[in-house]
């Protein structure tokens, strides 16, 4: 949930400040949410890893994460009509926010 909210919030900032053509309309929230959910379908690659006992294999986990990142960047750049580098920074900020929340959740402040 944190990932999606961060990417959508960053998408709004990108739309306001980094869009390439001024005549482009903002995509609807439902379209953005559907696109990000569809791009995250690579998470189903974890199912064969668990079935085949490869969940601790670093290469398999890294490749699954790479598929998710690449598909999310492509979906974001198509939906918001921005360059891939801007989409990579935006999607990366979503993954960073997700990792920070996970870290804070596992080690709360004393």
N, C-alpha and C. Protein backbone atom coordinates (compact mmCIF):
# COMPACT_ATOMS: atom_id res chain seq x y z
N UNK A 1 0.82 -1.19 0.00
CA UNK A 1 0.00 0.00 0.00
C UNK A 1 0.87 1.26 0.00
N UNK A 2 1.95 1.21 0.78
CA UNK A 2 2.85 2.37 0.84
C UNK A 2 3.47 2.63 -0.53
N UNK A 3 3.83 1.55 -1.24
CA UNK A 3 4.43 1.68 -2.56
C UNK A 3 3.47 2.40 -3.51
N UNK A 4 2.22 1.96 -3.57
CA UNK A 4 1.26 2.56 -4.48
C UNK A 4 0.99 4.02 -4.15
N UNK A 5 0.83 4.31 -2.87
CA UNK A 5 0.56 5.70 -2.48
C UNK A 5 1.75 6.61 -2.80
N UNK A 6 2.96 6.12 -2.57
CA UNK A 6 4.14 6.92 -2.86
C UNK A 6 4.29 7.16 -4.35
N UNK A 7 4.08 6.14 -5.15
CA UNK A 7 4.21 6.30 -6.60
C UNK A 7 3.14 7.24 -7.14
N UNK A 8 1.94 7.14 -6.63
CA UNK A 8 0.87 8.04 -7.09
C UNK A 8 1.16 9.47 -6.68
N UNK A 9 1.63 9.68 -5.45
CA UNK A 9 1.97 11.04 -5.00
C UNK A 9 3.13 11.61 -5.81
N UNK A 10 4.15 10.80 -6.05
CA UNK A 10 5.27 11.26 -6.87
C UNK A 10 4.83 11.48 -8.31
N UNK A 11 3.88 10.69 -8.77
CA UNK A 11 3.35 10.88 -10.11
C UNK A 11 2.66 12.22 -10.27
N UNK A 12 1.97 12.65 -9.25
CA UNK A 12 1.35 13.97 -9.28
C UNK A 12 2.41 15.07 -9.38
N UNK A 13 3.49 14.92 -8.61
CA UNK A 13 4.58 15.91 -8.68
C UNK A 13 5.25 15.89 -10.04
N UNK A 14 5.48 14.71 -10.57
CA UNK A 14 6.09 14.59 -11.89
C UNK A 14 5.18 15.20 -12.94
N UNK A 15 3.88 14.96 -12.83
CA UNK A 15 2.95 15.50 -13.81
C UNK A 15 2.97 17.02 -13.79
N UNK A 16 3.06 17.59 -12.62
CA UNK A 16 3.03 19.05 -12.52
C UNK A 16 4.33 19.70 -13.00
N UNK A 17 5.47 19.05 -12.77
CA UNK A 17 6.75 19.72 -13.01
C UNK A 17 7.57 19.16 -14.16
N UNK A 18 7.36 17.92 -14.57
CA UNK A 18 8.26 17.28 -15.53
C UNK A 18 7.59 16.78 -16.79
N UNK A 19 6.37 17.14 -17.05
CA UNK A 19 5.72 16.60 -18.24
C UNK A 19 6.34 17.22 -19.50
N UNK A 20 6.34 16.42 -20.56
CA UNK A 20 7.02 16.84 -21.78
C UNK A 20 6.15 17.74 -22.65
N UNK A 21 4.86 17.49 -22.72
CA UNK A 21 3.96 18.29 -23.53
C UNK A 21 2.92 18.95 -22.63
N UNK A 22 2.72 20.25 -22.75
CA UNK A 22 1.76 20.92 -21.85
C UNK A 22 0.31 20.55 -22.09
N UNK A 23 -0.04 19.97 -23.24
CA UNK A 23 -1.43 19.66 -23.53
C UNK A 23 -1.89 18.30 -23.02
N UNK A 24 -1.03 17.59 -22.32
CA UNK A 24 -1.36 16.24 -21.87
C UNK A 24 -2.26 16.31 -20.64
N UNK A 25 -3.32 15.50 -20.65
CA UNK A 25 -4.21 15.44 -19.49
C UNK A 25 -3.68 14.44 -18.47
N UNK A 26 -3.98 14.68 -17.21
CA UNK A 26 -3.58 13.77 -16.14
C UNK A 26 -4.40 12.49 -16.23
N UNK A 27 -3.74 11.33 -16.09
CA UNK A 27 -4.50 10.07 -16.13
C UNK A 27 -5.38 9.94 -14.89
N UNK A 28 -6.48 9.22 -15.04
CA UNK A 28 -7.37 9.03 -13.90
C UNK A 28 -6.72 8.12 -12.87
N UNK A 29 -7.09 8.30 -11.61
CA UNK A 29 -6.51 7.51 -10.52
C UNK A 29 -6.77 6.02 -10.70
N UNK A 30 -7.95 5.68 -11.19
CA UNK A 30 -8.28 4.27 -11.41
C UNK A 30 -7.36 3.66 -12.46
N UNK A 31 -7.05 4.41 -13.50
CA UNK A 31 -6.16 3.93 -14.55
C UNK A 31 -4.75 3.71 -14.01
N UNK A 32 -4.27 4.64 -13.19
CA UNK A 32 -2.94 4.52 -12.60
C UNK A 32 -2.87 3.32 -11.66
N UNK A 33 -3.88 3.16 -10.82
CA UNK A 33 -3.90 2.04 -9.88
C UNK A 33 -3.95 0.71 -10.63
N UNK A 34 -4.76 0.62 -11.67
CA UNK A 34 -4.83 -0.61 -12.46
C UNK A 34 -3.51 -0.90 -13.16
N UNK A 35 -2.86 0.14 -13.67
CA UNK A 35 -1.58 -0.05 -14.33
C UNK A 35 -0.50 -0.54 -13.38
N UNK A 36 -0.44 0.04 -12.18
CA UNK A 36 0.56 -0.39 -11.21
C UNK A 36 0.29 -1.79 -10.69
N UNK A 37 -0.98 -2.14 -10.53
CA UNK A 37 -1.31 -3.51 -10.12
C UNK A 37 -0.94 -4.51 -11.21
N UNK A 38 -1.21 -4.16 -12.45
CA UNK A 38 -0.86 -5.05 -13.55
C UNK A 38 0.65 -5.18 -13.68
N UNK A 39 1.38 -4.10 -13.44
CA UNK A 39 2.84 -4.14 -13.52
C UNK A 39 3.43 -4.96 -12.39
N UNK A 40 2.73 -5.11 -11.29
CA UNK A 40 3.24 -5.86 -10.15
C UNK A 40 2.93 -7.35 -10.23
N UNK A 41 2.45 -7.80 -11.37
CA UNK A 41 2.11 -9.21 -11.52
C UNK A 41 3.36 -10.09 -11.42
N UNK A 42 4.54 -9.51 -11.56
CA UNK A 42 5.78 -10.27 -11.40
C UNK A 42 5.96 -10.84 -10.01
N UNK A 43 5.20 -10.35 -9.05
CA UNK A 43 5.28 -10.90 -7.69
C UNK A 43 4.81 -12.35 -7.65
N UNK A 44 4.06 -12.76 -8.67
CA UNK A 44 3.64 -14.16 -8.72
C UNK A 44 4.81 -15.09 -9.02
N UNK A 45 5.97 -14.52 -9.39
CA UNK A 45 7.16 -15.35 -9.59
C UNK A 45 7.65 -15.93 -8.26
N UNK A 46 7.15 -15.42 -7.16
CA UNK A 46 7.53 -15.96 -5.86
C UNK A 46 6.89 -17.32 -5.61
N UNK A 47 5.76 -17.60 -6.25
CA UNK A 47 5.07 -18.87 -6.05
C UNK A 47 5.93 -20.06 -6.50
N UNK A 48 6.50 -20.03 -7.72
CA UNK A 48 7.38 -21.16 -8.08
C UNK A 48 8.62 -21.24 -7.20
N UNK A 49 9.10 -20.11 -6.72
CA UNK A 49 10.27 -20.14 -5.84
C UNK A 49 9.97 -20.89 -4.56
N UNK A 50 8.79 -20.68 -4.03
CA UNK A 50 8.42 -21.38 -2.79
C UNK A 50 8.15 -22.86 -3.08
N UNK A 51 7.48 -23.15 -4.20
CA UNK A 51 7.17 -24.54 -4.54
C UNK A 51 8.44 -25.34 -4.79
N UNK A 52 9.40 -24.74 -5.51
CA UNK A 52 10.62 -25.46 -5.86
C UNK A 52 11.72 -25.29 -4.81
N UNK A 53 11.43 -24.61 -3.72
CA UNK A 53 12.41 -24.44 -2.66
C UNK A 53 13.52 -23.48 -2.99
N UNK A 54 13.26 -22.50 -3.86
CA UNK A 54 14.28 -21.55 -4.27
C UNK A 54 14.10 -20.18 -3.62
N UNK A 55 13.35 -20.12 -2.53
CA UNK A 55 13.05 -18.81 -1.94
C UNK A 55 14.27 -18.17 -1.29
N UNK A 56 15.32 -18.95 -1.01
CA UNK A 56 16.54 -18.39 -0.45
C UNK A 56 17.60 -18.15 -1.51
N UNK A 57 17.31 -18.47 -2.76
CA UNK A 57 18.25 -18.28 -3.85
C UNK A 57 18.25 -16.80 -4.24
N UNK A 58 19.38 -16.14 -4.04
CA UNK A 58 19.48 -14.69 -4.26
C UNK A 58 19.28 -14.32 -5.72
N UNK A 59 19.74 -15.14 -6.63
CA UNK A 59 19.60 -14.83 -8.06
C UNK A 59 18.13 -14.85 -8.47
N UNK A 60 17.39 -15.85 -8.01
CA UNK A 60 15.98 -15.93 -8.36
C UNK A 60 15.20 -14.75 -7.80
N UNK A 61 15.47 -14.40 -6.56
CA UNK A 61 14.77 -13.28 -5.93
C UNK A 61 15.13 -11.96 -6.63
N UNK A 62 16.40 -11.80 -6.99
CA UNK A 62 16.83 -10.57 -7.68
C UNK A 62 16.19 -10.46 -9.06
N UNK A 63 16.10 -11.57 -9.79
CA UNK A 63 15.46 -11.54 -11.10
C UNK A 63 13.97 -11.23 -11.00
N UNK A 64 13.31 -11.78 -10.00
CA UNK A 64 11.89 -11.48 -9.81
C UNK A 64 11.69 -10.00 -9.49
N UNK A 65 12.56 -9.44 -8.64
CA UNK A 65 12.47 -8.01 -8.30
C UNK A 65 12.77 -7.14 -9.52
N UNK A 66 13.72 -7.58 -10.35
CA UNK A 66 14.05 -6.84 -11.56
C UNK A 66 12.86 -6.79 -12.52
N UNK A 67 12.15 -7.90 -12.66
CA UNK A 67 10.96 -7.93 -13.52
C UNK A 67 9.92 -6.95 -13.01
N UNK A 68 9.74 -6.90 -11.70
CA UNK A 68 8.75 -5.99 -11.11
C UNK A 68 9.14 -4.54 -11.34
N UNK A 69 10.42 -4.21 -11.15
CA UNK A 69 10.87 -2.83 -11.32
C UNK A 69 10.75 -2.39 -12.78
N UNK A 70 11.20 -3.24 -13.69
CA UNK A 70 11.16 -2.87 -15.11
C UNK A 70 9.72 -2.70 -15.58
N UNK A 71 8.84 -3.60 -15.20
CA UNK A 71 7.45 -3.47 -15.63
C UNK A 71 6.76 -2.27 -14.99
N UNK A 72 7.11 -1.95 -13.75
CA UNK A 72 6.54 -0.78 -13.10
C UNK A 72 7.02 0.52 -13.76
N UNK A 73 8.30 0.57 -14.10
CA UNK A 73 8.85 1.76 -14.77
C UNK A 73 8.19 1.93 -16.14
N UNK A 74 8.05 0.84 -16.88
CA UNK A 74 7.42 0.93 -18.19
C UNK A 74 5.96 1.38 -18.08
N UNK A 75 5.22 0.81 -17.13
CA UNK A 75 3.82 1.19 -16.95
C UNK A 75 3.70 2.65 -16.56
N UNK A 76 4.57 3.10 -15.64
CA UNK A 76 4.49 4.49 -15.19
C UNK A 76 4.84 5.45 -16.32
N UNK A 77 5.87 5.13 -17.09
CA UNK A 77 6.26 6.05 -18.17
C UNK A 77 5.20 6.12 -19.26
N UNK A 78 4.48 5.03 -19.48
CA UNK A 78 3.41 5.06 -20.49
C UNK A 78 2.19 5.81 -19.97
N UNK A 79 1.80 5.56 -18.72
CA UNK A 79 0.59 6.19 -18.18
C UNK A 79 0.75 7.70 -17.99
N UNK A 80 1.91 8.12 -17.48
CA UNK A 80 2.11 9.53 -17.18
C UNK A 80 2.80 10.27 -18.32
N UNK A 81 3.21 9.54 -19.37
CA UNK A 81 3.86 10.11 -20.55
C UNK A 81 5.09 10.93 -20.18
N UNK A 82 6.01 10.29 -19.46
CA UNK A 82 7.28 10.92 -19.08
C UNK A 82 8.42 10.01 -19.54
N UNK A 83 9.65 10.55 -19.46
CA UNK A 83 10.83 9.77 -19.84
C UNK A 83 11.02 8.61 -18.86
N UNK A 84 11.72 7.59 -19.32
CA UNK A 84 11.95 6.40 -18.48
C UNK A 84 12.81 6.72 -17.27
N UNK A 85 13.73 7.68 -17.40
CA UNK A 85 14.58 8.03 -16.27
C UNK A 85 13.77 8.65 -15.14
N UNK A 86 12.80 9.49 -15.49
CA UNK A 86 11.93 10.09 -14.47
C UNK A 86 11.05 9.00 -13.85
N UNK A 87 10.56 8.09 -14.68
CA UNK A 87 9.75 6.99 -14.16
C UNK A 87 10.56 6.10 -13.24
N UNK A 88 11.83 5.87 -13.56
CA UNK A 88 12.68 5.04 -12.71
C UNK A 88 12.89 5.69 -11.34
N UNK A 89 13.09 7.00 -11.30
CA UNK A 89 13.25 7.69 -10.02
C UNK A 89 11.96 7.64 -9.22
N UNK A 90 10.84 7.80 -9.88
CA UNK A 90 9.55 7.78 -9.19
C UNK A 90 9.24 6.40 -8.64
N UNK A 91 9.42 5.38 -9.45
CA UNK A 91 9.16 4.01 -8.98
C UNK A 91 10.17 3.63 -7.90
N UNK A 92 11.42 4.06 -8.07
CA UNK A 92 12.44 3.80 -7.05
C UNK A 92 12.10 4.43 -5.72
N UNK A 93 11.51 5.63 -5.75
CA UNK A 93 11.10 6.26 -4.49
C UNK A 93 9.98 5.47 -3.82
N UNK A 94 9.12 4.84 -4.62
CA UNK A 94 8.08 3.99 -4.05
C UNK A 94 8.66 2.77 -3.35
N UNK A 95 9.65 2.13 -4.00
CA UNK A 95 10.29 0.98 -3.37
C UNK A 95 11.10 1.40 -2.15
N UNK A 96 11.72 2.58 -2.19
CA UNK A 96 12.46 3.08 -1.04
C UNK A 96 11.53 3.36 0.14
N UNK A 97 10.39 3.98 -0.13
CA UNK A 97 9.42 4.23 0.94
C UNK A 97 8.90 2.93 1.53
N UNK A 98 8.68 1.94 0.68
CA UNK A 98 8.22 0.64 1.15
C UNK A 98 9.28 0.00 2.05
N UNK A 99 10.54 0.09 1.66
CA UNK A 99 11.62 -0.50 2.48
C UNK A 99 11.76 0.24 3.81
N UNK A 100 11.62 1.57 3.80
CA UNK A 100 11.72 2.34 5.04
C UNK A 100 10.59 2.00 6.01
N UNK A 101 9.38 1.88 5.49
CA UNK A 101 8.26 1.52 6.36
C UNK A 101 8.45 0.12 6.92
N UNK A 102 8.93 -0.80 6.09
CA UNK A 102 9.19 -2.16 6.55
C UNK A 102 10.26 -2.16 7.65
N UNK A 103 11.30 -1.34 7.47
CA UNK A 103 12.37 -1.25 8.46
C UNK A 103 11.86 -0.65 9.76
N UNK A 104 11.08 0.42 9.67
CA UNK A 104 10.54 1.05 10.88
C UNK A 104 9.53 0.14 11.57
N UNK A 105 8.79 -0.64 10.80
CA UNK A 105 7.81 -1.54 11.37
C UNK A 105 8.48 -2.67 12.14
N UNK A 106 9.62 -3.15 11.62
CA UNK A 106 10.30 -4.28 12.28
C UNK A 106 11.15 -3.82 13.46
N UNK A 107 11.61 -2.57 13.46
CA UNK A 107 12.41 -2.03 14.56
C UNK A 107 11.82 -0.72 15.04
N UNK A 108 10.74 -0.75 15.82
CA UNK A 108 10.12 0.51 16.25
C UNK A 108 11.04 1.27 17.21
N UNK A 109 10.82 2.55 17.25
CA UNK A 109 11.62 3.40 18.14
C UNK A 109 11.33 3.06 19.59
N UNK A 110 12.35 3.12 20.41
CA UNK A 110 12.18 2.80 21.84
C UNK A 110 11.77 3.99 22.64
